[in-house]
Amino acid sequence: RGVPVEPARPGANYADGLVVAVRGGAPADPAVPAD
C-alpha cells in the first residue's frame, strides 16, 4: 500500500502491528501435494 517493506529484526516486538498473510500468485492447487 505504497509503504516500503522492511525485514524483521530478531527479538524486536511487532505485537502492535496488524498481522497480514499475503496470498501471492501461487496456484490454488500446488504441484506439491499436501501430504
ModelCIF file with pLDDT and N, C-alpha, C, O atoms, coordinates in Angstrom:
data_MODEL
#
_entry.id   MODEL 
#
_entity.id                         1 
_entity.type                       polymer 
_entity.pdbx_number_of_molecules   1 
#
_entity_poly.entity_id                      1 
_entity_poly.type                           'polypeptide(L)' 
_entity_poly.nstd_linkage                   no 
_entity_poly.nstd_monomer                   no 
_entity_poly.pdbx_seq_one_letter_code       RGVPVEPARPGANYADGLVVAVRGGAPADPAVPAD 
_entity_poly.pdbx_seq_one_letter_code_can   RGVPVEPARPGANYADGLVVAVRGGAPADPAVPAD 
_entity_poly.pdbx_strand_id                 A 
#
loop_
_entity_poly_seq.entity_id 
_entity_poly_seq.num 
_entity_poly_seq.mon_id 
_entity_poly_seq.hetero 
1 1  ARG n 
1 2  GLY n 
1 3  VAL n 
1 4  PRO n 
1 5  VAL n 
1 6  GLU n 
1 7  PRO n 
1 8  ALA n 
1 9  ARG n 
1 10 PRO n 
1 11 GLY n 
1 12 ALA n 
1 13 ASN n 
1 14 TYR n 
1 15 ALA n 
1 16 ASP n 
1 17 GLY n 
1 18 LEU n 
1 19 VAL n 
1 20 VAL n 
1 21 ALA n 
1 22 VAL n 
1 23 ARG n 
1 24 GLY n 
1 25 GLY n 
1 26 ALA n 
1 27 PRO n 
1 28 ALA n 
1 29 ASP n 
1 30 PRO n 
1 31 ALA n 
1 32 VAL n 
1 33 PRO n 
1 34 ALA n 
1 35 ASP n 
#
_struct_asym.id          A 
_struct_asym.entity_id   1 
#
loop_
_ma_qa_metric.id 
_ma_qa_metric.mode 
_ma_qa_metric.name 
_ma_qa_metric.software_group_id 
_ma_qa_metric.type 
1 global pLDDT . pLDDT 
2 local  pLDDT . pLDDT 
#
_ma_qa_metric_global.metric_id      1 
_ma_qa_metric_global.metric_value   95.49 
_ma_qa_metric_global.model_id       1 
_ma_qa_metric_global.ordinal_id     1 
#
loop_
_ma_qa_metric_local.label_asym_id 
_ma_qa_metric_local.label_comp_id 
_ma_qa_metric_local.label_seq_id 
_ma_qa_metric_local.metric_id 
_ma_qa_metric_local.metric_value 
_ma_qa_metric_local.model_id 
_ma_qa_metric_local.ordinal_id 
A ARG 1  2 96.00 1 1  
A GLY 2  2 96.00 1 2  
A VAL 3  2 98.00 1 3  
A PRO 4  2 98.00 1 4  
A VAL 5  2 98.00 1 5  
A GLU 6  2 97.00 1 6  
A PRO 7  2 97.00 1 7  
A ALA 8  2 96.00 1 8  
A ARG 9  2 93.00 1 9  
A PRO 10 2 90.00 1 10 
A GLY 11 2 87.00 1 11 
A ALA 12 2 91.00 1 12 
A ASN 13 2 91.00 1 13 
A TYR 14 2 95.00 1 14 
A ALA 15 2 93.00 1 15 
A ASP 16 2 95.00 1 16 
A GLY 17 2 97.00 1 17 
A LEU 18 2 97.00 1 18 
A VAL 19 2 98.00 1 19 
A VAL 20 2 97.00 1 20 
A ALA 21 2 97.00 1 21 
A VAL 22 2 98.00 1 22 
A ARG 23 2 97.00 1 23 
A GLY 24 2 96.00 1 24 
A GLY 25 2 94.00 1 25 
A ALA 26 2 96.00 1 26 
A PRO 27 2 94.00 1 27 
A ALA 28 2 94.00 1 28 
A ASP 29 2 95.00 1 29 
A PRO 30 2 97.00 1 30 
A ALA 31 2 97.00 1 31 
A VAL 32 2 98.00 1 32 
A PRO 33 2 97.00 1 33 
A ALA 34 2 96.00 1 34 
A ASP 35 2 96.00 1 35 
#
loop_
_atom_site.group_PDB 
_atom_site.id 
_atom_site.type_symbol 
_atom_site.label_atom_id 
_atom_site.label_alt_id 
_atom_site.label_comp_id 
_atom_site.label_asym_id 
_atom_site.label_entity_id 
_atom_site.label_seq_id 
_atom_site.pdbx_PDB_ins_code 
_atom_site.Cartn_x 
_atom_site.Cartn_y 
_atom_site.Cartn_z 
_atom_site.occupancy 
_atom_site.B_iso_or_equiv 
_atom_site.pdbx_formal_charge 
_atom_site.auth_seq_id 
_atom_site.auth_comp_id 
_atom_site.auth_asym_id 
_atom_site.auth_atom_id 
_atom_site.pdbx_PDB_model_num 
ATOM 1   N N  . ARG A 1 1  ? 0.824  -1.202  0.000  1.00 96.00 ? 1  ARG A N  1 
ATOM 2   C CA . ARG A 1 1  ? 0.000  0.000   0.000  1.00 96.00 ? 1  ARG A CA 1 
ATOM 3   C C  . ARG A 1 1  ? 0.863  1.259   0.000  1.00 96.00 ? 1  ARG A C  1 
ATOM 4   O O  . ARG A 1 1  ? 0.600  2.232   0.707  1.00 96.00 ? 1  ARG A O  1 
ATOM 5   N N  . GLY A 1 2  ? 1.903  1.194   -0.824 1.00 96.00 ? 2  GLY A N  1 
ATOM 6   C CA . GLY A 1 2  ? 2.759  2.363   -1.006 1.00 96.00 ? 2  GLY A CA 1 
ATOM 7   C C  . GLY A 1 2  ? 3.828  2.544   0.042  1.00 96.00 ? 2  GLY A C  1 
ATOM 8   O O  . GLY A 1 2  ? 4.619  3.482   -0.057 1.00 96.00 ? 2  GLY A O  1 
ATOM 9   N N  . VAL A 1 3  ? 3.886  1.676   1.053  1.00 98.00 ? 3  VAL A N  1 
ATOM 10  C CA . VAL A 1 3  ? 4.883  1.794   2.121  1.00 98.00 ? 3  VAL A CA 1 
ATOM 11  C C  . VAL A 1 3  ? 5.961  0.732   1.925  1.00 98.00 ? 3  VAL A C  1 
ATOM 12  O O  . VAL A 1 3  ? 5.626  -0.445  1.788  1.00 98.00 ? 3  VAL A O  1 
ATOM 13  N N  . PRO A 1 4  ? 7.250  1.103   1.905  1.00 98.00 ? 4  PRO A N  1 
ATOM 14  C CA . PRO A 1 4  ? 8.320  0.108   1.737  1.00 98.00 ? 4  PRO A CA 1 
ATOM 15  C C  . PRO A 1 4  ? 8.268  -0.952  2.837  1.00 98.00 ? 4  PRO A C  1 
ATOM 16  O O  . PRO A 1 4  ? 8.017  -0.642  4.002  1.00 98.00 ? 4  PRO A O  1 
ATOM 17  N N  . VAL A 1 5  ? 8.509  -2.205  2.449  1.00 98.00 ? 5  VAL A N  1 
ATOM 18  C CA . VAL A 1 5  ? 8.508  -3.317  3.401  1.00 98.00 ? 5  VAL A CA 1 
ATOM 19  C C  . VAL A 1 5  ? 9.936  -3.559  3.880  1.00 98.00 ? 5  VAL A C  1 
ATOM 20  O O  . VAL A 1 5  ? 10.863 -3.599  3.071  1.00 98.00 ? 5  VAL A O  1 
ATOM 21  N N  . GLU A 1 6  ? 10.117 -3.718  5.177  1.00 97.00 ? 6  GLU A N  1 
ATOM 22  C CA . GLU A 1 6  ? 11.444 -3.965  5.755  1.00 97.00 ? 6  GLU A CA 1 
ATOM 23  C C  . GLU A 1 6  ? 11.492 -5.357  6.376  1.00 97.00 ? 6  GLU A C  1 
ATOM 24  O O  . GLU A 1 6  ? 10.471 -5.839  6.867  1.00 97.00 ? 6  GLU A O  1 
ATOM 25  N N  . PRO A 1 7  ? 12.648 -6.013  6.366  1.00 97.00 ? 7  PRO A N  1 
ATOM 26  C CA . PRO A 1 7  ? 12.761 -7.328  7.018  1.00 97.00 ? 7  PRO A CA 1 
ATOM 27  C C  . PRO A 1 7  ? 12.709 -7.183  8.535  1.00 97.00 ? 7  PRO A C  1 
ATOM 28  O O  . PRO A 1 7  ? 12.912 -6.092  9.069  1.00 97.00 ? 7  PRO A O  1 
ATOM 29  N N  . ALA A 1 8  ? 12.441 -8.279  9.218  1.00 96.00 ? 8  ALA A N  1 
ATOM 30  C CA . ALA A 1 8  ? 12.286 -8.258  10.671 1.00 96.00 ? 8  ALA A CA 1 
ATOM 31  C C  . ALA A 1 8  ? 13.627 -8.332  11.377 1.00 96.00 ? 8  ALA A C  1 
ATOM 32  O O  . ALA A 1 8  ? 14.580 -8.926  10.873 1.00 96.00 ? 8  ALA A O  1 
ATOM 33  N N  . ARG A 1 9  ? 13.685 -7.728  12.537 1.00 93.00 ? 9  ARG A N  1 
ATOM 34  C CA . ARG A 1 9  ? 14.874 -7.793  13.377 1.00 93.00 ? 9  ARG A CA 1 
ATOM 35  C C  . ARG A 1 9  ? 14.620 -8.782  14.508 1.00 93.00 ? 9  ARG A C  1 
ATOM 36  O O  . ARG A 1 9  ? 13.641 -8.626  15.238 1.00 93.00 ? 9  ARG A O  1 
ATOM 37  N N  . PRO A 1 10 ? 15.477 -9.805  14.679 1.00 90.00 ? 10 PRO A N  1 
ATOM 38  C CA . PRO A 1 10 ? 15.245 -10.803 15.732 1.00 90.00 ? 10 PRO A CA 1 
ATOM 39  C C  . PRO A 1 10 ? 15.098 -10.156 17.104 1.00 90.00 ? 10 PRO A C  1 
ATOM 40  O O  . PRO A 1 10 ? 15.879 -9.281  17.476 1.00 90.00 ? 10 PRO A O  1 
ATOM 41  N N  . GLY A 1 11 ? 14.105 -10.589 17.836 1.00 87.00 ? 11 GLY A N  1 
ATOM 42  C CA . GLY A 1 11 ? 13.889 -10.077 19.181 1.00 87.00 ? 11 GLY A CA 1 
ATOM 43  C C  . GLY A 1 11 ? 13.060 -8.819  19.245 1.00 87.00 ? 11 GLY A C  1 
ATOM 44  O O  . GLY A 1 11 ? 12.636 -8.417  20.329 1.00 87.00 ? 11 GLY A O  1 
ATOM 45  N N  . ALA A 1 12 ? 12.813 -8.177  18.100 1.00 91.00 ? 12 ALA A N  1 
ATOM 46  C CA . ALA A 1 12 ? 12.016 -6.950  18.116 1.00 91.00 ? 12 ALA A CA 1 
ATOM 47  C C  . ALA A 1 12 ? 10.557 -7.270  18.402 1.00 91.00 ? 12 ALA A C  1 
ATOM 48  O O  . ALA A 1 12 ? 10.072 -8.356  18.085 1.00 91.00 ? 12 ALA A O  1 
ATOM 49  N N  . ASN A 1 13 ? 9.869  -6.317  19.002 1.00 91.00 ? 13 ASN A N  1 
ATOM 50  C CA . ASN A 1 13 ? 8.461  -6.506  19.355 1.00 91.00 ? 13 ASN A CA 1 
ATOM 51  C C  . ASN A 1 13 ? 7.579  -5.873  18.284 1.00 91.00 ? 13 ASN A C  1 
ATOM 52  O O  . ASN A 1 13 ? 7.538  -4.651  18.137 1.00 91.00 ? 13 ASN A O  1 
ATOM 53  N N  . TYR A 1 14 ? 6.873  -6.726  17.539 1.00 95.00 ? 14 TYR A N  1 
ATOM 54  C CA . TYR A 1 14 ? 5.982  -6.242  16.492 1.00 95.00 ? 14 TYR A CA 1 
ATOM 55  C C  . TYR A 1 14 ? 4.518  -6.524  16.844 1.00 95.00 ? 14 TYR A C  1 
ATOM 56  O O  . TYR A 1 14 ? 3.661  -6.612  15.965 1.00 95.00 ? 14 TYR A O  1 
ATOM 57  N N  . ALA A 1 15 ? 4.249  -6.664  18.141 1.00 93.00 ? 15 ALA A N  1 
ATOM 58  C CA . ALA A 1 15 ? 2.910  -7.051  18.577 1.00 93.00 ? 15 ALA A CA 1 
ATOM 59  C C  . ALA A 1 15 ? 1.859  -5.995  18.253 1.00 93.00 ? 15 ALA A C  1 
ATOM 60  O O  . ALA A 1 15 ? 0.679  -6.325  18.128 1.00 93.00 ? 15 ALA A O  1 
ATOM 61  N N  . ASP A 1 16 ? 2.262  -4.727  18.115 1.00 95.00 ? 16 ASP A N  1 
ATOM 62  C CA . ASP A 1 16 ? 1.287  -3.676  17.835 1.00 95.00 ? 16 ASP A CA 1 
ATOM 63  C C  . ASP A 1 16 ? 0.853  -3.658  16.374 1.00 95.00 ? 16 ASP A C  1 
ATOM 64  O O  . ASP A 1 16 ? -0.117 -2.983  16.028 1.00 95.00 ? 16 ASP A O  1 
ATOM 65  N N  . GLY A 1 17 ? 1.549  -4.382  15.522 1.00 97.00 ? 17 GLY A N  1 
ATOM 66  C CA . GLY A 1 17 ? 1.205  -4.386  14.111 1.00 97.00 ? 17 GLY A CA 1 
ATOM 67  C C  . GLY A 1 17 ? 0.071  -5.349  13.796 1.00 97.00 ? 17 GLY A C  1 
ATOM 68  O O  . GLY A 1 17 ? -0.119 -6.346  14.493 1.00 97.00 ? 17 GLY A O  1 
ATOM 69  N N  . LEU A 1 18 ? -0.668 -5.053  12.760 1.00 97.00 ? 18 LEU A N  1 
ATOM 70  C CA . LEU A 1 18 ? -1.713 -5.954  12.280 1.00 97.00 ? 18 LEU A CA 1 
ATOM 71  C C  . LEU A 1 18 ? -1.064 -7.037  11.430 1.00 97.00 ? 18 LEU A C  1 
ATOM 72  O O  . LEU A 1 18 ? -0.398 -6.729  10.442 1.00 97.00 ? 18 LEU A O  1 
ATOM 73  N N  . VAL A 1 19 ? -1.249 -8.301  11.801 1.00 98.00 ? 19 VAL A N  1 
ATOM 74  C CA . VAL A 1 19 ? -0.644 -9.410  11.066 1.00 98.00 ? 19 VAL A CA 1 
ATOM 75  C C  . VAL A 1 19 ? -1.475 -9.688  9.813  1.00 98.00 ? 19 VAL A C  1 
ATOM 76  O O  . VAL A 1 19 ? -2.674 -9.956  9.886  1.00 98.00 ? 19 VAL A O  1 
ATOM 77  N N  . VAL A 1 20 ? -0.809 -9.616  8.672  1.00 97.00 ? 20 VAL A N  1 
ATOM 78  C CA . VAL A 1 20 ? -1.475 -9.809  7.392  1.00 97.00 ? 20 VAL A CA 1 
ATOM 79  C C  . VAL A 1 20 ? -0.729 -10.880 6.601  1.00 97.00 ? 20 VAL A C  1 
ATOM 80  O O  . VAL A 1 20 ? 0.456  -10.722 6.310  1.00 97.00 ? 20 VAL A O  1 
ATOM 81  N N  . ALA A 1 21 ? -1.414 -11.967 6.252  1.00 97.00 ? 21 ALA A N  1 
ATOM 82  C CA . ALA A 1 21 ? -0.830 -13.010 5.402  1.00 97.00 ? 21 ALA A CA 1 
ATOM 83  C C  . ALA A 1 21 ? -1.117 -12.657 3.942  1.00 97.00 ? 21 ALA A C  1 
ATOM 84  O O  . ALA A 1 21 ? -2.252 -12.348 3.579  1.00 97.00 ? 21 ALA A O  1 
ATOM 85  N N  . VAL A 1 22 ? -0.078 -12.708 3.114  1.00 98.00 ? 22 VAL A N  1 
ATOM 86  C CA . VAL A 1 22 ? -0.196 -12.334 1.711  1.00 98.00 ? 22 VAL A CA 1 
ATOM 87  C C  . VAL A 1 22 ? -0.276 -13.602 0.871  1.00 98.00 ? 22 VAL A C  1 
ATOM 88  O O  . VAL A 1 22 ? 0.647  -14.417 0.881  1.00 98.00 ? 22 VAL A O  1 
ATOM 89  N N  . ARG A 1 23 ? -1.365 -13.767 0.153  1.00 97.00 ? 23 ARG A N  1 
ATOM 90  C CA . ARG A 1 23 ? -1.575 -14.990 -0.599 1.00 97.00 ? 23 ARG A CA 1 
ATOM 91  C C  . ARG A 1 23 ? -0.568 -15.159 -1.732 1.00 97.00 ? 23 ARG A C  1 
ATOM 92  O O  . ARG A 1 23 ? -0.050 -16.257 -1.933 1.00 97.00 ? 23 ARG A O  1 
ATOM 93  N N  . GLY A 1 24 ? -0.289 -14.112 -2.459 1.00 96.00 ? 24 GLY A N  1 
ATOM 94  C CA . GLY A 1 24 ? 0.623  -14.205 -3.588 1.00 96.00 ? 24 GLY A CA 1 
ATOM 95  C C  . GLY A 1 24 ? -0.061 -14.803 -4.812 1.00 96.00 ? 24 GLY A C  1 
ATOM 96  O O  . GLY A 1 24 ? -1.278 -14.986 -4.838 1.00 96.00 ? 24 GLY A O  1 
ATOM 97  N N  . GLY A 1 25 ? 0.751  -15.104 -5.824 1.00 94.00 ? 25 GLY A N  1 
ATOM 98  C CA . GLY A 1 25 ? 0.197  -15.590 -7.086 1.00 94.00 ? 25 GLY A CA 1 
ATOM 99  C C  . GLY A 1 25 ? 0.292  -17.078 -7.298 1.00 94.00 ? 25 GLY A C  1 
ATOM 100 O O  . GLY A 1 25 ? 0.105  -17.544 -8.422 1.00 94.00 ? 25 GLY A O  1 
ATOM 101 N N  . ALA A 1 26 ? 0.578  -17.850 -6.253 1.00 96.00 ? 26 ALA A N  1 
ATOM 102 C CA . ALA A 1 26 ? 0.696  -19.304 -6.397 1.00 96.00 ? 26 ALA A CA 1 
ATOM 103 C C  . ALA A 1 26 ? -0.662 -19.917 -6.728 1.00 96.00 ? 26 ALA A C  1 
ATOM 104 O O  . ALA A 1 26 ? -1.692 -19.387 -6.310 1.00 96.00 ? 26 ALA A O  1 
ATOM 105 N N  . PRO A 1 27 ? -0.683 -21.027 -7.472 1.00 94.00 ? 27 PRO A N  1 
ATOM 106 C CA . PRO A 1 27 ? -1.966 -21.661 -7.819 1.00 94.00 ? 27 PRO A CA 1 
ATOM 107 C C  . PRO A 1 27 ? -2.663 -22.231 -6.593 1.00 94.00 ? 27 PRO A C  1 
ATOM 108 O O  . PRO A 1 27 ? -2.020 -22.598 -5.610 1.00 94.00 ? 27 PRO A O  1 
ATOM 109 N N  . ALA A 1 28 ? -3.982 -22.301 -6.666 1.00 94.00 ? 28 ALA A N  1 
ATOM 110 C CA . ALA A 1 28 ? -4.758 -22.856 -5.553 1.00 94.00 ? 28 ALA A CA 1 
ATOM 111 C C  . ALA A 1 28 ? -4.490 -24.345 -5.375 1.00 94.00 ? 28 ALA A C  1 
ATOM 112 O O  . ALA A 1 28 ? -4.631 -24.873 -4.272 1.00 94.00 ? 28 ALA A O  1 
ATOM 113 N N  . ASP A 1 29 ? -4.103 -25.028 -6.457 1.00 95.00 ? 29 ASP A N  1 
ATOM 114 C CA . ASP A 1 29 ? -3.781 -26.459 -6.412 1.00 95.00 ? 29 ASP A CA 1 
ATOM 115 C C  . ASP A 1 29 ? -2.291 -26.622 -6.697 1.00 95.00 ? 29 ASP A C  1 
ATOM 116 O O  . ASP A 1 29 ? -1.911 -26.812 -7.853 1.00 95.00 ? 29 ASP A O  1 
ATOM 117 N N  . PRO A 1 30 ? -1.437 -26.553 -5.675 1.00 97.00 ? 30 PRO A N  1 
ATOM 118 C CA . PRO A 1 30 ? 0.009  -26.601 -5.895 1.00 97.00 ? 30 PRO A CA 1 
ATOM 119 C C  . PRO A 1 30 ? 0.466  -27.919 -6.508 1.00 97.00 ? 30 PRO A C  1 
ATOM 120 O O  . PRO A 1 30 ? -0.215 -28.939 -6.403 1.00 97.00 ? 30 PRO A O  1 
ATOM 121 N N  . ALA A 1 31 ? 1.628  -27.880 -7.147 1.00 97.00 ? 31 ALA A N  1 
ATOM 122 C CA . ALA A 1 31 ? 2.194  -29.091 -7.745 1.00 97.00 ? 31 ALA A CA 1 
ATOM 123 C C  . ALA A 1 31 ? 2.628  -30.086 -6.668 1.00 97.00 ? 31 ALA A C  1 
ATOM 124 O O  . ALA A 1 31 ? 2.608  -31.295 -6.901 1.00 97.00 ? 31 ALA A O  1 
ATOM 125 N N  . VAL A 1 32 ? 3.015  -29.595 -5.505 1.00 98.00 ? 32 VAL A N  1 
ATOM 126 C CA . VAL A 1 32 ? 3.446  -30.453 -4.397 1.00 98.00 ? 32 VAL A CA 1 
ATOM 127 C C  . VAL A 1 32 ? 2.224  -30.758 -3.519 1.00 98.00 ? 32 VAL A C  1 
ATOM 128 O O  . VAL A 1 32 ? 1.632  -29.829 -2.970 1.00 98.00 ? 32 VAL A O  1 
ATOM 129 N N  . PRO A 1 33 ? 1.827  -32.042 -3.368 1.00 97.00 ? 33 PRO A N  1 
ATOM 130 C CA . PRO A 1 33 ? 0.624  -32.392 -2.598 1.00 97.00 ? 33 PRO A CA 1 
ATOM 131 C C  . PRO A 1 33 ? 0.746  -32.055 -1.119 1.00 97.00 ? 33 PRO A C  1 
ATOM 132 O O  . PRO A 1 33 ? 1.846  -31.881 -0.595 1.00 97.00 ? 33 PRO A O  1 
ATOM 133 N N  . ALA A 1 34 ? -0.389 -31.968 -0.463 1.00 96.00 ? 34 ALA A N  1 
ATOM 134 C CA . ALA A 1 34 ? -0.426 -31.578 0.949  1.00 96.00 ? 34 ALA A CA 1 
ATOM 135 C C  . ALA A 1 34 ? 0.316  -32.554 1.841  1.00 96.00 ? 34 ALA A C  1 
ATOM 136 O O  . ALA A 1 34 ? 0.973  -32.133 2.793  1.00 96.00 ? 34 ALA A O  1 
ATOM 137 N N  . ASP A 1 35 ? 0.227  -33.870 1.555  1.00 96.00 ? 35 ASP A N  1 
ATOM 138 C CA . ASP A 1 35 ? 0.881  -34.831 2.447  1.00 96.00 ? 35 ASP A CA 1 
ATOM 139 C C  . ASP A 1 35 ? 2.392  -34.817 2.312  1.00 96.00 ? 35 ASP A C  1 
ATOM 140 O O  . ASP A 1 35 ? 3.080  -35.572 2.999  1.00 96.00 ? 35 ASP A O  1 
#
